[in-house]
Amino acid sequence: MELKGCKINLLGDSITFGVGTSAPDKRFGDLIAAQYGAIVRNYGISGTRIARQHTPTVSCPDFDRHFVSRVPEMDADADVIVIFGGTNDFGHGDAPIGTMSDREDTTFYGGLHALYTALIEKYPAARIVVLTPTHRLNEDNPRGDGNKPEDVGRLIDYVRIIREVAEFYSLPVLDLFAASGIQPRVQVLQERYMPDGLHPNDAGNARLAEALSAFLKAL
């Protein structure tokens, strides 16, 4: 795929929005735009999830603007849509995992089905690309950030579901969990790429930009 002039819509959470970077032009999408001449439009909103939140987040209602609800707001002329989410579903979302047969956005499985279907219907000629979450410090806690009342799943469980549902729709997956080179439980990597254990810094975003641009060029 030729990236120069390519219109890329990024749908994501705080990592896409740029939390952790020193300036907007250090975000992975902006780095791709600057290096390759792509037109990158950022639809990242901090705290947001794939699945619909059951209990409203009173302190920050924007957290509950789950991904599929924002599809109508995205520019319709995109050549590529990049979906980068799931870490907040693991961390603090209250939706259950659900099953592969779910089609409502009230479970994680259902949220993915609803999202992918909505995007395919809006962008039938575009390339829809799925990114898995990167590693994070507390990824093995089945209660996410620790506020879930019962065990739900580790981050790897959410990653596997993202892979599974994307495969059902034959959507290409850039598996950052498997191959980003960012693992904050290794101290030197945390210090270099992800100081807070969740949000990539400037160096981490440069690494994401390199991985995503190479992935898109190979499509």
Protein backbone atom coordinates (compact mmCIF):
# COMPACT_ATOMS: atom_id res chain seq x y z
CA MET A 1 0.00 0.00 0.00
CA GLU A 2 1.23 3.48 -0.89
CA LEU A 3 1.03 5.71 2.19
CA LYS A 4 1.55 9.08 0.50
CA GLY A 5 -1.84 10.76 0.32
CA CYS A 6 -3.49 7.77 2.01
CA LYS A 7 -6.38 8.84 4.25
CA ILE A 8 -6.11 6.98 7.55
CA ASN A 9 -8.71 7.13 10.33
CA LEU A 10 -7.39 6.10 13.76
CA LEU A 11 -10.07 4.90 16.19
CA GLY A 12 -8.70 4.37 19.66
CA ASP A 13 -8.30 5.33 23.29
CA SER A 14 -5.74 7.37 25.26
CA ILE A 15 -2.78 5.76 23.52
CA THR A 16 -4.09 6.88 20.12
CA PHE A 17 -5.04 10.27 21.59
CA GLY A 18 -1.43 10.69 22.65
CA VAL A 19 -1.31 10.38 26.43
CA GLY A 20 2.32 9.74 27.32
CA THR A 21 3.80 11.80 24.49
CA SER A 22 5.48 15.17 24.92
CA ALA A 23 3.57 16.83 22.07
CA PRO A 24 0.87 15.96 19.50
CA ASP A 25 3.43 15.61 16.72
CA LYS A 26 5.07 12.76 18.66
CA ARG A 27 1.98 10.53 18.42
CA PHE A 28 2.38 7.45 16.23
CA GLY A 29 -0.23 8.66 13.74
CA ASP A 30 1.36 12.07 13.37
CA LEU A 31 4.77 10.46 12.90
CA ILE A 32 3.39 8.40 10.02
CA ALA A 33 1.79 11.48 8.48
CA ALA A 34 5.02 13.44 8.69
CA GLN A 35 7.26 10.69 7.35
CA TYR A 36 5.09 9.35 4.53
CA GLY A 37 2.75 12.19 3.59
CA ALA A 38 -0.34 10.31 4.74
CA ILE A 39 -3.48 12.14 5.86
CA VAL A 40 -4.02 10.85 9.38
CA ARG A 41 -7.17 11.69 11.34
CA ASN A 42 -7.14 10.93 15.05
CA TYR A 43 -10.37 9.77 16.70
CA GLY A 44 -8.77 8.65 19.95
CA ILE A 45 -10.62 9.41 23.19
CA SER A 46 -9.02 8.63 26.53
CA GLY A 47 -10.62 5.98 28.70
CA THR A 48 -12.86 4.53 26.01
CA ARG A 49 -13.62 0.87 25.46
CA ILE A 50 -14.76 -1.56 22.77
CA ALA A 51 -17.79 -2.74 24.75
CA ARG A 52 -20.55 -0.54 26.13
CA GLN A 53 -20.16 0.34 29.81
CA HIS A 54 -23.06 -0.92 31.93
CA THR A 55 -22.59 1.50 34.83
CA PRO A 56 -22.15 5.12 33.66
CA THR A 57 -18.84 6.78 34.45
CA VAL A 58 -20.11 9.86 36.28
CA SER A 59 -16.70 11.45 36.72
CA CYS A 60 -15.96 11.45 32.97
CA PRO A 61 -18.87 10.65 30.61
CA ASP A 62 -16.52 10.60 27.59
CA PHE A 63 -15.08 7.33 28.94
CA ASP A 64 -18.39 5.70 27.98
CA ARG A 65 -18.22 6.68 24.31
CA HIS A 66 -17.44 3.13 23.25
CA PHE A 67 -15.93 2.58 19.83
CA VAL A 68 -18.95 1.63 17.71
CA SER A 69 -20.90 4.67 18.94
CA ARG A 70 -18.26 6.93 17.34
CA VAL A 71 -18.22 5.35 13.90
CA PRO A 72 -20.88 7.75 12.51
CA GLU A 73 -18.69 10.73 13.47
CA MET A 74 -15.70 9.57 11.44
CA ASP A 75 -14.90 11.01 8.01
CA ALA A 76 -16.37 8.78 5.33
CA ASP A 77 -13.60 9.04 2.72
CA ALA A 78 -10.95 6.99 4.54
CA ASP A 79 -8.75 4.54 2.68
CA VAL A 80 -7.68 2.82 5.90
CA ILE A 81 -9.28 2.50 9.33
CA VAL A 82 -7.03 1.47 12.20
CA ILE A 83 -8.71 0.12 15.36
CA PHE A 84 -6.57 0.21 18.48
CA GLY A 85 -8.43 -0.66 21.67
CA GLY A 86 -9.19 -3.26 24.30
CA THR A 87 -6.77 -2.32 27.06
CA ASN A 88 -9.47 -0.28 28.85
CA ASP A 89 -11.99 -3.11 28.54
CA PHE A 90 -9.46 -5.18 30.43
CA GLY A 91 -8.49 -2.41 32.81
CA HIS A 92 -11.78 -0.93 33.97
CA GLY A 93 -14.65 -1.87 31.68
CA ASP A 94 -17.58 -3.56 33.41
CA ALA A 95 -18.93 -5.48 30.40
CA PRO A 96 -18.62 -9.27 30.55
CA ILE A 97 -16.45 -11.15 28.07
CA GLY A 98 -19.46 -12.87 26.49
CA THR A 99 -19.24 -15.47 23.73
CA MET A 100 -18.42 -15.59 20.02
CA SER A 101 -22.14 -15.71 19.19
CA ASP A 102 -22.83 -12.31 20.79
CA ARG A 103 -23.74 -9.48 18.44
CA GLU A 104 -24.79 -6.77 20.93
CA ASP A 105 -22.18 -4.31 22.20
CA THR A 106 -22.92 -5.14 25.85
CA THR A 107 -20.16 -7.78 25.94
CA PHE A 108 -16.59 -7.65 24.72
CA TYR A 109 -17.20 -10.21 21.99
CA GLY A 110 -20.39 -8.44 20.97
CA GLY A 111 -18.71 -5.04 20.99
CA LEU A 112 -16.10 -6.28 18.55
CA HIS A 113 -18.72 -7.81 16.25
CA ALA A 114 -20.80 -4.62 16.34
CA LEU A 115 -17.75 -2.46 15.66
CA TYR A 116 -16.34 -4.50 12.81
CA THR A 117 -19.78 -4.82 11.18
CA ALA A 118 -20.42 -1.07 11.41
CA LEU A 119 -17.03 -0.26 9.92
CA ILE A 120 -17.37 -2.76 7.08
CA GLU A 121 -20.80 -1.37 6.21
CA LYS A 122 -19.55 2.25 6.25
CA TYR A 123 -16.22 1.55 4.53
CA PRO A 124 -16.75 -1.47 2.24
CA ALA A 125 -13.86 -0.48 -0.04
CA ALA A 126 -11.40 0.54 2.70
CA ARG A 127 -8.79 -1.55 4.46
CA ILE A 128 -9.80 -2.09 8.07
CA VAL A 129 -6.82 -2.95 10.27
CA VAL A 130 -6.89 -4.20 13.85
CA LEU A 131 -4.16 -3.55 16.42
CA THR A 132 -3.99 -5.61 19.59
CA PRO A 133 -3.14 -3.89 22.88
CA THR A 134 0.48 -3.72 23.88
CA HIS A 135 1.73 -5.28 27.08
CA ARG A 136 1.11 -3.36 30.32
CA LEU A 137 2.33 -3.70 33.89
CA ASN A 138 -0.73 -5.30 35.50
CA GLU A 139 -1.74 -7.47 32.56
CA ASP A 140 -2.05 -10.71 34.55
CA ASN A 141 -4.59 -9.39 37.06
CA PRO A 142 -7.97 -10.97 36.11
CA ARG A 143 -9.64 -7.93 37.73
CA GLY A 144 -7.84 -5.48 35.47
CA ASP A 145 -6.83 -2.35 37.36
CA GLY A 146 -8.18 -4.04 40.49
CA ASN A 147 -11.63 -2.45 40.71
CA LYS A 148 -13.66 -5.25 39.13
CA PRO A 149 -15.70 -7.14 41.74
CA GLU A 150 -14.77 -10.55 40.35
CA ASP A 151 -12.27 -12.19 38.04
CA VAL A 152 -13.00 -11.52 34.36
CA GLY A 153 -9.84 -12.16 32.36
CA ARG A 154 -6.21 -11.31 31.86
CA LEU A 155 -5.13 -8.95 29.09
CA ILE A 156 -4.00 -11.91 26.98
CA ASP A 157 -7.59 -13.20 27.06
CA TYR A 158 -8.82 -9.94 25.55
CA VAL A 159 -6.03 -10.04 22.98
CA ARG A 160 -6.99 -13.56 21.92
CA ILE A 161 -10.62 -12.52 21.49
CA ILE A 162 -9.57 -9.54 19.35
CA ARG A 163 -7.58 -11.90 17.15
CA GLU A 164 -10.46 -14.40 16.97
CA VAL A 165 -13.16 -11.94 15.96
CA ALA A 166 -10.91 -10.12 13.48
CA GLU A 167 -10.15 -13.46 11.83
CA PHE A 168 -13.90 -14.13 11.49
CA TYR A 169 -14.20 -10.96 9.40
CA SER A 170 -10.85 -11.58 7.64
CA LEU A 171 -9.40 -8.35 8.98
CA PRO A 172 -5.61 -8.06 9.14
CA VAL A 173 -4.19 -7.91 12.67
CA LEU A 174 -1.02 -6.16 13.73
CA ASP A 175 -0.26 -8.06 16.92
CA LEU A 176 1.51 -5.50 19.10
CA PHE A 177 1.10 -7.74 22.13
CA ALA A 178 3.24 -10.36 20.40
CA ALA A 179 5.74 -8.23 18.53
CA SER A 180 5.91 -4.54 19.49
CA GLY A 181 9.10 -5.01 21.47
CA ILE A 182 7.51 -3.10 24.38
CA GLN A 183 7.20 -5.05 27.63
CA PRO A 184 7.14 -2.74 30.67
CA ARG A 185 7.75 -5.59 33.09
CA VAL A 186 11.33 -5.51 31.79
CA GLN A 187 12.72 -2.46 33.58
CA VAL A 188 14.96 -1.18 30.81
CA LEU A 189 12.07 -1.39 28.32
CA GLN A 190 9.69 0.35 30.71
CA GLU A 191 12.14 3.20 31.21
CA ARG A 192 12.80 3.54 27.50
CA TYR A 193 9.31 3.09 26.00
CA MET A 194 6.51 3.09 28.61
CA PRO A 195 7.42 4.82 31.89
CA ASP A 196 3.94 4.62 33.44
CA GLY A 197 3.50 0.97 32.46
CA LEU A 198 0.60 1.67 30.10
CA HIS A 199 1.09 4.65 27.77
CA PRO A 200 3.98 4.65 25.30
CA ASN A 201 6.18 7.76 25.47
CA ASP A 202 7.77 9.47 22.46
CA ALA A 203 10.15 6.56 21.90
CA GLY A 204 7.32 4.07 22.31
CA ASN A 205 5.17 5.94 19.80
CA ALA A 206 8.07 5.97 17.36
CA ARG A 207 8.20 2.21 17.71
CA LEU A 208 4.44 1.94 17.11
CA ALA A 209 4.71 4.19 14.06
CA GLU A 210 7.46 2.03 12.62
CA ALA A 211 5.46 -1.16 13.15
CA LEU A 212 2.19 0.23 11.80
CA SER A 213 3.70 1.89 8.74
CA ALA A 214 5.55 -1.28 7.80
CA PHE A 215 2.36 -3.30 8.29
CA LEU A 216 0.30 -0.94 6.12
CA LYS A 217 2.91 -0.78 3.37
CA ALA A 218 2.87 -4.58 3.18
CA LEU A 219 -0.90 -4.77 2.60
